[in-house]
Amino acid sequence: MATNAGTGQEAIGQRIVIQGKVTDEAGKPVSQAFIEIWQANTAGAMCINCIPEMRL
């Protein structure tokens, strides 16, 4: 179950699955690559204050 970071309740909206691999320009896999994906909620907003390092 995906949860809402602000309320802890189940997230609303369509769930998606993203799959792939990270490669360099030569097509070789990049070891320990980190990809961060942000998605807005159904109202088109993100809860920046829900992330400790982003709090104002």
N, C-alpha and C. Protein backbone atom coordinates (compact mmCIF):
# COMPACT_ATOMS: atom_id res chain seq x y z
N MET A 1 0.84 -1.18 0.00
CA MET A 1 0.00 0.00 0.00
C MET A 1 0.89 1.25 0.00
N ALA A 2 0.62 2.14 -0.90
CA ALA A 2 1.31 3.43 -0.92
C ALA A 2 0.61 4.35 0.07
N THR A 3 1.41 5.07 0.87
CA THR A 3 0.80 5.95 1.87
C THR A 3 1.12 7.40 1.59
N ASN A 4 0.25 8.27 2.07
CA ASN A 4 0.43 9.71 1.96
C ASN A 4 1.42 10.14 3.03
N ALA A 5 2.50 10.80 2.65
CA ALA A 5 3.54 11.20 3.59
C ALA A 5 3.03 12.18 4.62
N GLY A 6 2.03 12.96 4.29
CA GLY A 6 1.51 13.96 5.21
C GLY A 6 0.52 13.42 6.22
N THR A 7 -0.28 12.43 5.80
CA THR A 7 -1.34 11.93 6.68
C THR A 7 -1.12 10.49 7.13
N GLY A 8 -0.32 9.75 6.41
CA GLY A 8 -0.12 8.33 6.72
C GLY A 8 -1.24 7.46 6.18
N GLN A 9 -2.26 8.07 5.57
CA GLN A 9 -3.37 7.31 5.00
C GLN A 9 -3.00 6.81 3.62
N GLU A 10 -3.82 5.90 3.10
CA GLU A 10 -3.56 5.37 1.77
C GLU A 10 -3.58 6.49 0.74
N ALA A 11 -2.62 6.46 -0.18
CA ALA A 11 -2.53 7.47 -1.22
C ALA A 11 -3.69 7.33 -2.21
N ILE A 12 -4.12 8.49 -2.74
CA ILE A 12 -5.21 8.51 -3.72
C ILE A 12 -4.58 8.68 -5.10
N GLY A 13 -5.13 8.02 -6.08
CA GLY A 13 -4.65 8.19 -7.44
C GLY A 13 -4.18 6.87 -8.04
N GLN A 14 -3.76 6.95 -9.27
CA GLN A 14 -3.33 5.77 -10.00
C GLN A 14 -1.89 5.45 -9.64
N ARG A 15 -1.64 4.19 -9.31
CA ARG A 15 -0.28 3.75 -9.03
C ARG A 15 0.40 3.36 -10.34
N ILE A 16 1.68 3.66 -10.43
CA ILE A 16 2.43 3.30 -11.63
C ILE A 16 3.67 2.51 -11.22
N VAL A 17 4.18 1.73 -12.14
CA VAL A 17 5.41 0.98 -11.93
C VAL A 17 6.41 1.49 -12.96
N ILE A 18 7.58 1.87 -12.49
CA ILE A 18 8.63 2.34 -13.38
C ILE A 18 9.76 1.34 -13.32
N GLN A 19 10.25 0.96 -14.47
CA GLN A 19 11.28 -0.07 -14.55
C GLN A 19 12.31 0.34 -15.59
N GLY A 20 13.56 0.05 -15.33
CA GLY A 20 14.59 0.37 -16.31
C GLY A 20 15.97 0.14 -15.76
N LYS A 21 16.96 0.67 -16.44
CA LYS A 21 18.33 0.56 -15.97
C LYS A 21 19.09 1.83 -16.33
N VAL A 22 20.11 2.12 -15.56
CA VAL A 22 20.93 3.30 -15.80
C VAL A 22 22.22 2.84 -16.46
N THR A 23 22.53 3.47 -17.60
CA THR A 23 23.76 3.12 -18.32
C THR A 23 24.58 4.37 -18.62
N ASP A 24 25.86 4.15 -18.89
CA ASP A 24 26.70 5.27 -19.31
C ASP A 24 26.57 5.45 -20.82
N GLU A 25 27.35 6.37 -21.39
CA GLU A 25 27.25 6.63 -22.83
C GLU A 25 27.61 5.44 -23.69
N ALA A 26 28.39 4.50 -23.13
CA ALA A 26 28.79 3.31 -23.87
C ALA A 26 27.78 2.17 -23.70
N GLY A 27 26.73 2.41 -22.89
CA GLY A 27 25.72 1.38 -22.69
C GLY A 27 26.03 0.43 -21.55
N LYS A 28 27.09 0.70 -20.80
CA LYS A 28 27.45 -0.17 -19.67
C LYS A 28 26.66 0.25 -18.44
N PRO A 29 26.20 -0.74 -17.64
CA PRO A 29 25.43 -0.42 -16.43
C PRO A 29 26.22 0.46 -15.47
N VAL A 30 25.54 1.41 -14.83
CA VAL A 30 26.16 2.28 -13.84
C VAL A 30 25.89 1.66 -12.46
N SER A 31 26.94 1.27 -11.78
CA SER A 31 26.81 0.63 -10.47
C SER A 31 26.33 1.63 -9.42
N GLN A 32 25.41 1.22 -8.60
CA GLN A 32 24.88 1.98 -7.47
C GLN A 32 24.32 3.34 -7.87
N ALA A 33 23.71 3.41 -9.04
CA ALA A 33 23.07 4.66 -9.47
C ALA A 33 21.87 4.93 -8.58
N PHE A 34 21.57 6.19 -8.33
CA PHE A 34 20.44 6.59 -7.50
C PHE A 34 19.56 7.52 -8.31
N ILE A 35 18.29 7.17 -8.42
CA ILE A 35 17.33 7.99 -9.13
C ILE A 35 16.23 8.37 -8.15
N GLU A 36 15.94 9.65 -8.06
CA GLU A 36 14.88 10.12 -7.17
C GLU A 36 13.75 10.65 -8.03
N ILE A 37 12.55 10.14 -7.80
CA ILE A 37 11.39 10.54 -8.59
C ILE A 37 10.37 11.17 -7.65
N TRP A 38 9.92 12.35 -8.00
CA TRP A 38 8.90 13.06 -7.22
C TRP A 38 7.63 13.09 -8.05
N GLN A 39 6.52 12.93 -7.38
CA GLN A 39 5.23 12.99 -8.08
C GLN A 39 4.27 13.83 -7.27
N ALA A 40 3.55 14.68 -7.93
CA ALA A 40 2.55 15.52 -7.26
C ALA A 40 1.35 14.66 -6.85
N ASN A 41 0.59 15.15 -5.88
CA ASN A 41 -0.62 14.44 -5.48
C ASN A 41 -1.74 14.72 -6.48
N THR A 42 -2.93 14.21 -6.20
CA THR A 42 -4.04 14.37 -7.13
C THR A 42 -4.47 15.82 -7.29
N ALA A 43 -4.08 16.69 -6.34
CA ALA A 43 -4.40 18.12 -6.44
C ALA A 43 -3.30 18.89 -7.16
N GLY A 44 -2.25 18.19 -7.58
CA GLY A 44 -1.16 18.85 -8.31
C GLY A 44 -0.11 19.47 -7.41
N ALA A 45 -0.10 19.11 -6.12
CA ALA A 45 0.85 19.70 -5.17
C ALA A 45 1.78 18.63 -4.59
N MET A 46 2.92 19.08 -4.07
CA MET A 46 3.85 18.20 -3.36
C MET A 46 3.96 18.69 -1.92
N CYS A 47 4.13 17.76 -1.01
CA CYS A 47 4.24 18.10 0.41
C CYS A 47 5.72 18.26 0.75
N ILE A 48 6.28 19.41 0.46
CA ILE A 48 7.69 19.67 0.74
C ILE A 48 7.97 19.59 2.24
N ASN A 49 7.06 20.07 3.06
CA ASN A 49 7.26 20.04 4.51
C ASN A 49 7.20 18.64 5.10
N CYS A 50 6.79 17.65 4.32
CA CYS A 50 6.76 16.26 4.80
C CYS A 50 8.15 15.63 4.76
N ILE A 51 9.09 16.30 4.12
CA ILE A 51 10.45 15.78 4.00
C ILE A 51 11.34 16.60 4.93
N PRO A 52 11.89 15.95 5.98
CA PRO A 52 12.63 16.70 7.00
C PRO A 52 13.68 17.67 6.46
N GLU A 53 14.47 17.27 5.50
CA GLU A 53 15.54 18.16 5.02
C GLU A 53 15.03 19.31 4.15
N MET A 54 13.74 19.30 3.81
CA MET A 54 13.16 20.36 2.99
C MET A 54 12.33 21.33 3.82
N ARG A 55 12.16 21.07 5.10
CA ARG A 55 11.32 21.93 5.94
C ARG A 55 11.92 23.32 6.06
N LEU A 56 11.06 24.31 6.06
CA LEU A 56 11.50 25.71 6.19
C LEU A 56 11.55 26.13 7.63
